[in-house]
Protein backbone atom coordinates (compact mmCIF):
# COMPACT_ATOMS: atom_id res chain seq x y z
CA MET A 1 103.63 60.53 29.15
CA HIS A 2 104.90 58.93 32.30
CA ASN A 3 106.91 60.63 34.98
CA GLY A 4 109.79 59.10 36.83
CA ASN A 5 112.99 57.34 35.93
CA LEU A 6 112.73 55.72 32.51
CA LEU A 7 114.96 52.81 33.51
CA THR A 8 112.94 51.77 36.58
CA ARG A 9 109.35 52.23 35.40
CA PRO A 10 107.18 49.09 35.64
CA ASP A 11 105.84 49.40 32.08
CA THR A 12 109.19 49.19 30.23
CA PHE A 13 112.18 46.87 29.95
CA PHE A 14 114.92 49.37 30.83
CA GLY A 15 113.29 52.01 28.56
CA VAL A 16 115.76 51.48 25.72
CA CYS A 17 113.45 52.08 22.76
CA GLU A 18 111.73 55.04 24.41
CA ALA A 19 115.03 56.64 25.46
CA ILE A 20 116.52 56.33 21.98
CA GLY A 21 113.28 57.62 20.45
CA GLN A 22 113.31 60.65 22.76
CA ASP A 23 116.97 61.39 22.10
CA LEU A 24 116.76 61.03 18.32
CA GLY A 25 113.26 62.48 17.88
CA PHE A 26 111.17 59.59 16.52
CA HIS A 27 108.39 57.41 17.90
CA PRO A 28 109.77 54.47 19.91
CA ASN A 29 107.31 52.02 18.32
CA PHE A 30 109.36 52.10 15.10
CA LEU A 31 112.37 50.84 17.02
CA ARG A 32 110.26 48.28 18.87
CA ILE A 33 109.01 46.87 15.55
CA ALA A 34 112.57 46.66 14.22
CA LEU A 35 113.69 44.93 17.42
CA ALA A 36 110.84 42.41 17.15
CA GLY A 37 111.84 41.65 13.56
CA PHE A 38 115.47 41.22 14.59
CA ALA A 39 114.39 38.93 17.46
CA PHE A 40 112.44 36.77 15.02
CA TRP A 41 115.55 36.01 12.93
CA ASN A 42 118.22 36.09 15.63
CA PRO A 43 116.83 35.95 19.19
CA ALA A 44 120.21 35.66 20.91
CA GLY A 45 121.61 38.56 18.91
CA ALA A 46 118.54 40.70 19.66
CA VAL A 47 118.79 40.03 23.40
CA ALA A 48 122.53 40.76 23.38
CA ALA A 49 122.04 43.98 21.37
CA TYR A 50 119.20 45.08 23.64
CA ALA A 51 121.22 44.39 26.79
CA ALA A 52 124.25 46.26 25.43
CA THR A 53 122.05 49.19 24.39
CA ALA A 54 120.41 49.17 27.84
CA LEU A 55 123.83 49.59 29.43
CA VAL A 56 124.70 52.46 27.09
CA VAL A 57 121.35 54.17 27.78
CA ALA A 58 121.71 53.71 31.55
CA LEU A 59 125.24 55.09 31.47
CA SER A 60 124.27 58.07 29.31
CA ARG A 61 121.26 58.89 31.54
CA TRP A 62 123.47 58.63 34.63
CA LEU A 63 126.25 60.81 33.20
CA TYR A 64 123.97 63.36 31.51
CA PRO A 65 120.61 63.50 33.34
CA SER A 66 117.90 65.52 31.64
CA PRO A 67 116.81 68.56 33.67
CA GLU A 68 113.38 68.43 35.28
CA PRO A 69 110.79 70.74 33.69
CA ALA A 70 110.18 73.83 35.83
CA GLY A 71 106.46 73.11 36.20
CA LEU A 72 106.94 69.75 37.95
CA ALA A 73 108.88 71.09 40.92
CA GLU A 74 106.45 73.86 41.79
CA ALA A 75 103.03 73.45 43.37
CA PRO A 76 100.12 74.65 41.24
CA ALA A 77 98.88 78.13 42.10
CA ALA A 78 95.47 78.57 43.68
CA PRO A 79 92.79 79.77 41.25
CA ALA A 80 91.94 83.47 41.41
CA ALA A 81 88.80 84.39 43.32
CA ALA A 82 85.80 85.42 41.27
CA PRO A 83 84.99 89.15 41.38
CA ALA A 84 82.18 90.18 43.71
CA ALA A 85 78.86 91.32 42.32
CA GLY A 86 79.18 94.66 40.58
CA GLU A 87 82.97 94.43 40.21
CA GLN A 88 84.78 93.93 36.93
CA ALA A 89 87.37 91.21 36.52
CA PRO A 90 90.90 92.53 36.05
CA VAL A 91 92.12 92.45 32.46
CA ALA A 92 95.52 90.91 31.83
CA GLU A 93 98.00 92.90 29.80
CA PRO A 94 99.02 91.40 26.46
CA VAL A 95 102.33 89.60 26.43
CA PRO A 96 104.77 90.60 23.66
CA LEU A 97 105.76 87.79 21.29
CA ALA A 98 109.35 88.90 20.96
CA ALA A 99 111.60 90.90 23.21
């Protein structure tokens, strides 16, 4: 998965299919195949529909930005030092599954 703004990435055309796939929970290739089929029969209609959908996606991403995952903002922690000879490694306590 790529990081960065979906609308300005160099590997997409406005990120319409990927954005709709993310929002509705399906793989964007299904939408890309449908768009290619629509473009085969009605190229002008497909371009117009894609452009209109790109505006809707851009507006929705601008009005309701998705929050950044917590792990991206923080620097990775340094790995723990190995125990010296003769020492035992500390044992982590088990984490409860439910609170």
